[in-house]
Amino acid sequence: MARTLNPESHAVRREAFLDVAQQLVQTRGYEQMSVTDVLAAVGVSRGAFYHYFESKDALLDAVVNRMADQATVRVEHVLSDPKLTAIQKLEALVGGIAQYKAERKDLVLAILQVWRSDDNAIVREKLRRIVTARQRPWLERIVHQGIAEGVFSSRYPDHLPRVLASFMQGMAELASEMWIGRQLGSISIDDVKRTFAAYLEGFERMVGVQPGSLTFLDEPSLEFWYG
């Protein structure tokens, strides 16, 4: 007799695997995490694990996709709001992710050293690719809206979203490096502020708006993270 699958039970158990795997990735690093560690924490057999995931890599893919969901879901409704301008949507896309991290500052800071370690290099790369792929369609909508509104200008509007997505990822990676630099005393808060100001200037030039048109991280936010 064929086995009956309870979708709700299946989803709950799968989430339990993801919860444990994400915690291990954040506290030990992906390379140090083993399937045996996951099994012990969840309290299931190896056979049960392979019922949900084909391999450790498949588990990682699921974890990374969920992390990307958690970091970006909050801005989706904003980007679909017809009342908002392209500039407001661009600020929401960058600022929404920053706000998500700010609300979990203790957790973010606790895992940052492990997150930046070689043990999580593969996780960072997977997450970078997924987030960039998700951001590009949003940026395409924002760029074309901005051009239609007459506030953005670009000779390459169809290619600009890909460039902006890569630029945003570079800013996120440098933000982590600067936080570590602040803990080590190798970078000043003024250097941090000037670096973000340079990124902001770069955004404004790429989308063709007037200087001072965009605001992603204000001074209190920078002091909150780097002060």
C-alpha atoms as a PDB file:
ATOM      1  CA  MET A   1       0.000   0.000   0.000  1.00  0.00           C
ATOM      2  CA  ALA A   2       1.388   3.399  -0.992  1.00  0.00           C
ATOM      3  CA  ARG A   3       2.502   5.612   1.841  1.00  0.00           C
ATOM      4  CA  THR A   4       0.315   8.686   2.418  1.00  0.00           C
ATOM      5  CA  LEU A   5       2.211  11.951   2.753  1.00  0.00           C
ATOM      6  CA  ASN A   6       0.913  14.622   5.098  1.00  0.00           C
ATOM      7  CA  PRO A   7       1.978  17.913   3.468  1.00  0.00           C
ATOM      8  CA  GLU A   8       1.838  19.904   6.712  1.00  0.00           C
ATOM      9  CA  SER A   9       3.867  17.355   8.655  1.00  0.00           C
ATOM     10  CA  HIS A  10       6.342  17.130   5.790  1.00  0.00           C
ATOM     11  CA  ALA A  11       6.790  20.914   5.749  1.00  0.00           C
ATOM     12  CA  VAL A  12       7.268  21.116   9.532  1.00  0.00           C
ATOM     13  CA  ARG A  13       9.934  18.394   9.539  1.00  0.00           C
ATOM     14  CA  ARG A  14      11.710  19.982   6.573  1.00  0.00           C
ATOM     15  CA  GLU A  15      11.760  23.320   8.380  1.00  0.00           C
ATOM     16  CA  ALA A  16      13.287  21.611  11.413  1.00  0.00           C
ATOM     17  CA  PHE A  17      16.177  20.408   9.250  1.00  0.00           C
ATOM     18  CA  LEU A  18      16.617  23.913   7.847  1.00  0.00           C
ATOM     19  CA  ASP A  19      16.528  25.531  11.300  1.00  0.00           C
ATOM     20  CA  VAL A  20      19.281  23.244  12.576  1.00  0.00           C
ATOM     21  CA  ALA A  21      21.400  23.535   9.438  1.00  0.00           C
ATOM     22  CA  GLN A  22      21.163  27.331   9.415  1.00  0.00           C
ATOM     23  CA  GLN A  23      22.181  27.493  13.074  1.00  0.00           C
ATOM     24  CA  LEU A  24      25.191  25.231  12.425  1.00  0.00           C
ATOM     25  CA  VAL A  25      26.222  27.246   9.384  1.00  0.00           C
ATOM     26  CA  GLN A  26      26.031  30.436  11.427  1.00  0.00           C
ATOM     27  CA  THR A  27      27.889  29.113  14.481  1.00  0.00           C
ATOM     28  CA  ARG A  28      30.388  26.622  13.053  1.00  0.00           C
ATOM     29  CA  GLY A  29      30.559  27.175   9.328  1.00  0.00           C
ATOM     30  CA  TYR A  30      29.313  25.021   6.471  1.00  0.00           C
ATOM     31  CA  GLU A  31      32.573  23.101   5.969  1.00  0.00           C
ATOM     32  CA  GLN A  32      32.600  22.097   9.645  1.00  0.00           C
ATOM     33  CA  MET A  33      28.954  21.013   9.608  1.00  0.00           C
ATOM     34  CA  SER A  34      28.195  17.358   8.876  1.00  0.00           C
ATOM     35  CA  VAL A  35      24.989  15.487   8.094  1.00  0.00           C
ATOM     36  CA  THR A  36      25.601  13.555  11.326  1.00  0.00           C
ATOM     37  CA  ASP A  37      25.509  16.847  13.271  1.00  0.00           C
ATOM     38  CA  VAL A  38      22.161  17.685  11.684  1.00  0.00           C
ATOM     39  CA  LEU A  39      20.733  14.228  12.416  1.00  0.00           C
ATOM     40  CA  ALA A  40      21.796  14.428  16.068  1.00  0.00           C
ATOM     41  CA  ALA A  41      20.246  17.862  16.536  1.00  0.00           C
ATOM     42  CA  VAL A  42      16.955  16.977  14.823  1.00  0.00           C
ATOM     43  CA  GLY A  43      16.843  13.510  16.398  1.00  0.00           C
ATOM     44  CA  VAL A  44      16.155  11.472  13.268  1.00  0.00           C
ATOM     45  CA  SER A  45      17.761   8.698  11.264  1.00  0.00           C
ATOM     46  CA  ARG A  46      19.942   9.105   8.188  1.00  0.00           C
ATOM     47  CA  GLY A  47      17.143   7.590   6.118  1.00  0.00           C
ATOM     48  CA  ALA A  48      14.757  10.310   7.293  1.00  0.00           C
ATOM     49  CA  PHE A  49      17.251  12.981   6.228  1.00  0.00           C
ATOM     50  CA  TYR A  50      17.516  11.580   2.700  1.00  0.00           C
ATOM     51  CA  HIS A  51      13.756  11.524   2.458  1.00  0.00           C
ATOM     52  CA  TYR A  52      13.916  15.325   2.424  1.00  0.00           C
ATOM     53  CA  PHE A  53      17.329  16.101   0.916  1.00  0.00           C
ATOM     54  CA  GLU A  54      19.498  14.262  -1.589  1.00  0.00           C
ATOM     55  CA  SER A  55      22.743  15.462  -0.021  1.00  0.00           C
ATOM     56  CA  LYS A  56      24.411  17.973   2.250  1.00  0.00           C
ATOM     57  CA  ASP A  57      24.679  20.307  -0.759  1.00  0.00           C
ATOM     58  CA  ALA A  58      20.926  20.027  -1.370  1.00  0.00           C
ATOM     59  CA  LEU A  59      20.333  20.955   2.271  1.00  0.00           C
ATOM     60  CA  LEU A  60      22.616  23.952   1.842  1.00  0.00           C
ATOM     61  CA  ASP A  61      20.719  25.079  -1.252  1.00  0.00           C
ATOM     62  CA  ALA A  62      17.476  24.986   0.747  1.00  0.00           C
ATOM     63  CA  VAL A  63      19.046  26.897   3.652  1.00  0.00           C
ATOM     64  CA  VAL A  64      20.460  29.583   1.374  1.00  0.00           C
ATOM     65  CA  ASN A  65      17.168  29.999  -0.468  1.00  0.00           C
ATOM     66  CA  ARG A  66      15.371  30.454   2.838  1.00  0.00           C
ATOM     67  CA  MET A  67      17.953  32.977   4.033  1.00  0.00           C
ATOM     68  CA  ALA A  68      17.418  34.925   0.822  1.00  0.00           C
ATOM     69  CA  ASP A  69      13.655  34.770   1.382  1.00  0.00           C
ATOM     70  CA  GLN A  70      14.005  36.101   4.923  1.00  0.00           C
ATOM     71  CA  ALA A  71      16.244  38.971   3.850  1.00  0.00           C
ATOM     72  CA  THR A  72      14.166  40.177   0.908  1.00  0.00           C
ATOM     73  CA  VAL A  73      10.505  39.303   1.492  1.00  0.00           C
ATOM     74  CA  ARG A  74       9.840  42.479   3.465  1.00  0.00           C
ATOM     75  CA  VAL A  75      10.472  44.762   0.473  1.00  0.00           C
ATOM     76  CA  GLU A  76       8.327  42.938  -2.089  1.00  0.00           C
ATOM     77  CA  HIS A  77       5.072  44.699  -1.187  1.00  0.00           C
ATOM     78  CA  VAL A  78       6.819  48.083  -1.278  1.00  0.00           C
ATOM     79  CA  LEU A  79       8.134  47.512  -4.783  1.00  0.00           C
ATOM     80  CA  SER A  80       4.609  46.737  -5.995  1.00  0.00           C
ATOM     81  CA  ASP A  81       3.106  49.905  -4.486  1.00  0.00           C
ATOM     82  CA  PRO A  82       1.949  52.143  -7.392  1.00  0.00           C
ATOM     83  CA  LYS A  83       2.011  55.203  -5.139  1.00  0.00           C
ATOM     84  CA  LEU A  84       5.771  55.093  -4.617  1.00  0.00           C
ATOM     85  CA  THR A  85       8.292  56.716  -6.937  1.00  0.00           C
ATOM     86  CA  ALA A  86      11.268  54.884  -8.414  1.00  0.00           C
ATOM     87  CA  ILE A  87      13.594  56.679  -6.002  1.00  0.00           C
ATOM     88  CA  GLN A  88      11.496  55.610  -3.011  1.00  0.00           C
ATOM     89  CA  LYS A  89      11.476  52.011  -4.245  1.00  0.00           C
ATOM     90  CA  LEU A  90      15.242  51.962  -4.772  1.00  0.00           C
ATOM     91  CA  GLU A  91      15.747  53.314  -1.251  1.00  0.00           C
ATOM     92  CA  ALA A  92      13.296  50.706   0.089  1.00  0.00           C
ATOM     93  CA  LEU A  93      15.129  47.877  -1.645  1.00  0.00           C
ATOM     94  CA  VAL A  94      18.454  48.782  -0.046  1.00  0.00           C
ATOM     95  CA  GLY A  95      17.062  50.167   3.201  1.00  0.00           C
ATOM     96  CA  GLY A  96      14.639  47.277   3.734  1.00  0.00           C
ATOM     97  CA  ILE A  97      17.443  44.731   3.794  1.00  0.00           C
ATOM     98  CA  ALA A  98      19.450  46.962   6.132  1.00  0.00           C
ATOM     99  CA  GLN A  99      16.432  47.283   8.450  1.00  0.00           C
ATOM    100  CA  TYR A 100      15.980  43.488   8.484  1.00  0.00           C
ATOM    101  CA  LYS A 101      19.563  43.149   9.725  1.00  0.00           C
ATOM    102  CA  ALA A 102      19.192  46.002  12.223  1.00  0.00           C
ATOM    103  CA  GLU A 103      16.242  44.259  13.875  1.00  0.00           C
ATOM    104  CA  ARG A 104      18.503  41.230  14.391  1.00  0.00           C
ATOM    105  CA  LYS A 105      21.696  43.099  15.222  1.00  0.00           C
ATOM    106  CA  ASP A 106      22.847  40.810  18.042  1.00  0.00           C
ATOM    107  CA  LEU A 107      22.417  37.715  15.898  1.00  0.00           C
ATOM    108  CA  VAL A 108      24.043  39.329  12.861  1.00  0.00           C
ATOM    109  CA  LEU A 109      27.069  40.442  14.863  1.00  0.00           C
ATOM    110  CA  ALA A 110      27.364  37.096  16.649  1.00  0.00           C
ATOM    111  CA  ILE A 111      27.640  35.159  13.406  1.00  0.00           C
ATOM    112  CA  LEU A 112      29.596  37.677  11.350  1.00  0.00           C
ATOM    113  CA  GLN A 113      33.066  36.313  12.120  1.00  0.00           C
ATOM    114  CA  VAL A 114      32.020  32.769  11.266  1.00  0.00           C
ATOM    115  CA  TRP A 115      30.092  34.015   8.241  1.00  0.00           C
ATOM    116  CA  ARG A 116      33.226  35.693   6.847  1.00  0.00           C
ATOM    117  CA  SER A 117      35.431  32.641   7.484  1.00  0.00           C
ATOM    118  CA  ASP A 118      36.675  30.281   4.784  1.00  0.00           C
ATOM    119  CA  ASP A 119      34.321  27.627   6.185  1.00  0.00           C
ATOM    120  CA  ASN A 120      31.383  29.590   4.807  1.00  0.00           C
ATOM    121  CA  ALA A 121      32.877  30.706   1.493  1.00  0.00           C
ATOM    122  CA  ILE A 122      30.604  28.399  -0.496  1.00  0.00           C
ATOM    123  CA  VAL A 123      27.540  29.590   1.436  1.00  0.00           C
ATOM    124  CA  ARG A 124      28.353  33.251   0.822  1.00  0.00           C
ATOM    125  CA  GLU A 125      28.818  32.634  -2.886  1.00  0.00           C
ATOM    126  CA  LYS A 126      25.552  30.727  -3.201  1.00  0.00           C
ATOM    127  CA  LEU A 127      23.681  33.408  -1.267  1.00  0.00           C
ATOM    128  CA  ARG A 128      25.273  36.164  -3.344  1.00  0.00           C
ATOM    129  CA  ARG A 129      24.143  34.539  -6.587  1.00  0.00           C
ATOM    130  CA  ILE A 130      20.608  33.910  -5.355  1.00  0.00           C
ATOM    131  CA  VAL A 131      20.114  37.413  -3.940  1.00  0.00           C
ATOM    132  CA  THR A 132      21.565  39.007  -7.090  1.00  0.00           C
ATOM    133  CA  ALA A 133      19.239  36.931  -9.277  1.00  0.00           C
ATOM    134  CA  ARG A 134      16.230  37.994  -7.194  1.00  0.00           C
ATOM    135  CA  GLN A 135      17.192  41.653  -7.092  1.00  0.00           C
ATOM    136  CA  ARG A 136      17.626  42.018 -10.835  1.00  0.00           C
ATOM    137  CA  PRO A 137      13.899  41.766 -11.767  1.00  0.00           C
ATOM    138  CA  TRP A 138      13.075  44.276  -9.025  1.00  0.00           C
ATOM    139  CA  LEU A 139      15.777  46.624 -10.254  1.00  0.00           C
ATOM    140  CA  GLU A 140      14.528  46.264 -13.831  1.00  0.00           C
ATOM    141  CA  ARG A 141      11.097  47.466 -12.737  1.00  0.00           C
ATOM    142  CA  ILE A 142      12.588  50.320 -10.704  1.00  0.00           C
ATOM    143  CA  VAL A 143      14.929  51.470 -13.480  1.00  0.00           C
ATOM    144  CA  HIS A 144      12.223  51.477 -16.154  1.00  0.00           C
ATOM    145  CA  GLN A 145       9.825  53.260 -13.813  1.00  0.00           C
ATOM    146  CA  GLY A 146      12.462  55.873 -13.039  1.00  0.00           C
ATOM    147  CA  ILE A 147      13.129  56.471 -16.715  1.00  0.00           C
ATOM    148  CA  ALA A 148       9.387  56.746 -17.392  1.00  0.00           C
ATOM    149  CA  GLU A 149       9.122  59.280 -14.554  1.00  0.00           C
ATOM    150  CA  GLY A 150      11.987  61.274 -16.045  1.00  0.00           C
ATOM    151  CA  VAL A 151      14.183  61.028 -12.918  1.00  0.00           C
ATOM    152  CA  PHE A 152      16.563  58.277 -14.078  1.00  0.00           C
ATOM    153  CA  SER A 153      18.649  58.380 -17.224  1.00  0.00           C
ATOM    154  CA  SER A 154      20.844  55.720 -18.782  1.00  0.00           C
ATOM    155  CA  ARG A 155      22.062  54.836 -22.252  1.00  0.00           C
ATOM    156  CA  TYR A 156      21.832  51.163 -21.255  1.00  0.00           C
ATOM    157  CA  PRO A 157      18.614  50.748 -19.232  1.00  0.00           C
ATOM    158  CA  ASP A 158      18.329  47.036 -20.063  1.00  0.00           C
ATOM    159  CA  HIS A 159      21.820  46.333 -18.699  1.00  0.00           C
ATOM    160  CA  LEU A 160      21.844  48.769 -15.785  1.00  0.00           C
ATOM    161  CA  PRO A 161      19.862  46.509 -13.361  1.00  0.00           C
ATOM    162  CA  ARG A 162      22.538  43.814 -13.545  1.00  0.00           C
ATOM    163  CA  VAL A 163      25.237  46.386 -12.812  1.00  0.00           C
ATOM    164  CA  LEU A 164      23.258  47.815  -9.894  1.00  0.00           C
ATOM    165  CA  ALA A 165      22.693  44.333  -8.420  1.00  0.00           C
ATOM    166  CA  SER A 166      26.433  43.619  -8.511  1.00  0.00           C
ATOM    167  CA  PHE A 167      27.129  47.050  -7.016  1.00  0.00           C
ATOM    168  CA  MET A 168      24.728  46.334  -4.144  1.00  0.00           C
ATOM    169  CA  GLN A 169      26.403  43.017  -3.405  1.00  0.00           C
ATOM    170  CA  GLY A 170      29.793  44.696  -3.365  1.00  0.00           C
ATOM    171  CA  MET A 171      28.492  47.273  -0.914  1.00  0.00           C
ATOM    172  CA  ALA A 172      27.109  44.546   1.367  1.00  0.00           C
ATOM    173  CA  GLU A 173      30.412  42.658   1.380  1.00  0.00           C
ATOM    174  CA  LEU A 174      32.423  45.794   2.081  1.00  0.00           C
ATOM    175  CA  ALA A 175      30.021  46.722   4.891  1.00  0.00           C
ATOM    176  CA  SER A 176      30.909  43.447   6.638  1.00  0.00           C
ATOM    177  CA  GLU A 177      34.628  44.022   6.126  1.00  0.00           C
ATOM    178  CA  MET A 178      34.366  47.528   7.569  1.00  0.00           C
ATOM    179  CA  TRP A 179      32.508  46.247  10.635  1.00  0.00           C
ATOM    180  CA  ILE A 180      35.336  43.807  11.312  1.00  0.00           C
ATOM    181  CA  GLY A 181      37.816  46.620  10.702  1.00  0.00           C
ATOM    182  CA  ARG A 182      36.042  48.743  13.297  1.00  0.00           C
ATOM    183  CA  GLN A 183      36.349  45.930  15.873  1.00  0.00           C
ATOM    184  CA  LEU A 184      40.068  45.643  15.110  1.00  0.00           C
ATOM    185  CA  GLY A 185      40.546  49.412  15.208  1.00  0.00           C
ATOM    186  CA  SER A 186      41.928  49.499  11.677  1.00  0.00           C
ATOM    187  CA  ILE A 187      39.285  51.854  10.268  1.00  0.00           C
ATOM    188  CA  SER A 188      37.681  54.985  11.687  1.00  0.00           C
ATOM    189  CA  ILE A 189      33.992  55.827  11.733  1.00  0.00           C
ATOM    190  CA  ASP A 190      34.763  58.757   9.434  1.00  0.00           C
ATOM    191  CA  ASP A 191      36.301  56.340   6.912  1.00  0.00           C
ATOM    192  CA  VAL A 192      33.141  54.232   7.106  1.00  0.00           C
ATOM    193  CA  LYS A 193      30.922  57.242   6.481  1.00  0.00           C
ATOM    194  CA  ARG A 194      33.026  58.407   3.541  1.00  0.00           C
ATOM    195  CA  THR A 195      32.986  54.922   2.028  1.00  0.00           C
ATOM    196  CA  PHE A 196      29.197  54.737   2.160  1.00  0.00           C
ATOM    197  CA  ALA A 197      28.998  58.287   0.797  1.00  0.00           C
ATOM    198  CA  ALA A 198      31.139  57.172  -2.147  1.00  0.00           C
ATOM    199  CA  TYR A 199      28.818  54.220  -2.780  1.00  0.00           C
ATOM    200  CA  LEU A 200      25.809  56.523  -2.637  1.00  0.00           C
ATOM    201  CA  GLU A 201      27.455  58.881  -5.105  1.00  0.00           C
ATOM    202  CA  GLY A 202      28.117  55.889  -7.357  1.00  0.00           C
ATOM    203  CA  PHE A 203      24.442  54.876  -7.258  1.00  0.00           C
ATOM    204  CA  GLU A 204      23.335  58.388  -8.108  1.00  0.00           C
ATOM    205  CA  ARG A 205      25.682  58.603 -11.072  1.00  0.00           C
ATOM    206  CA  MET A 206      24.704  55.184 -12.418  1.00  0.00           C
ATOM    207  CA  VAL A 207      20.963  55.901 -12.401  1.00  0.00           C
ATOM    208  CA  GLY A 208      21.497  59.493 -13.504  1.00  0.00           C
ATOM    209  CA  VAL A 209      19.839  61.410 -10.659  1.00  0.00           C
ATOM    210  CA  GLN A 210      20.934  64.684  -9.143  1.00  0.00           C
ATOM    211  CA  PRO A 211      23.474  64.516  -6.275  1.00  0.00           C
ATOM    212  CA  GLY A 212      21.714  64.198  -2.941  1.00  0.00           C
ATOM    213  CA  SER A 213      18.641  62.532  -4.443  1.00  0.00           C
ATOM    214  CA  LEU A 214      19.187  59.149  -2.728  1.00  0.00           C
ATOM    215  CA  THR A 215      19.436  58.196   0.941  1.00  0.00           C
ATOM    216  CA  PHE A 216      20.189  54.610   1.913  1.00  0.00           C
ATOM    217  CA  LEU A 217      21.828  54.784   5.333  1.00  0.00           C
ATOM    218  CA  ASP A 218      21.551  57.945   7.410  1.00  0.00           C
ATOM    219  CA  GLU A 219      24.079  58.989  10.043  1.00  0.00           C
ATOM    220  CA  PRO A 220      22.179  57.454  13.022  1.00  0.00           C
ATOM    221  CA  SER A 221      22.090  54.102  11.176  1.00  0.00           C
ATOM    222  CA  LEU A 222      25.837  54.206  10.557  1.00  0.00           C
ATOM    223  CA  GLU A 223      26.472  55.092  14.201  1.00  0.00           C
ATOM    224  CA  PHE A 224      24.162  52.223  15.216  1.00  0.00           C
ATOM    225  CA  TRP A 225      26.340  49.707  13.364  1.00  0.00           C
ATOM    226  CA  TYR A 226      29.799  51.239  13.396  1.00  0.00           C
ATOM    227  CA  GLY A 227      29.902  53.774  16.220  1.00  0.00           C
END
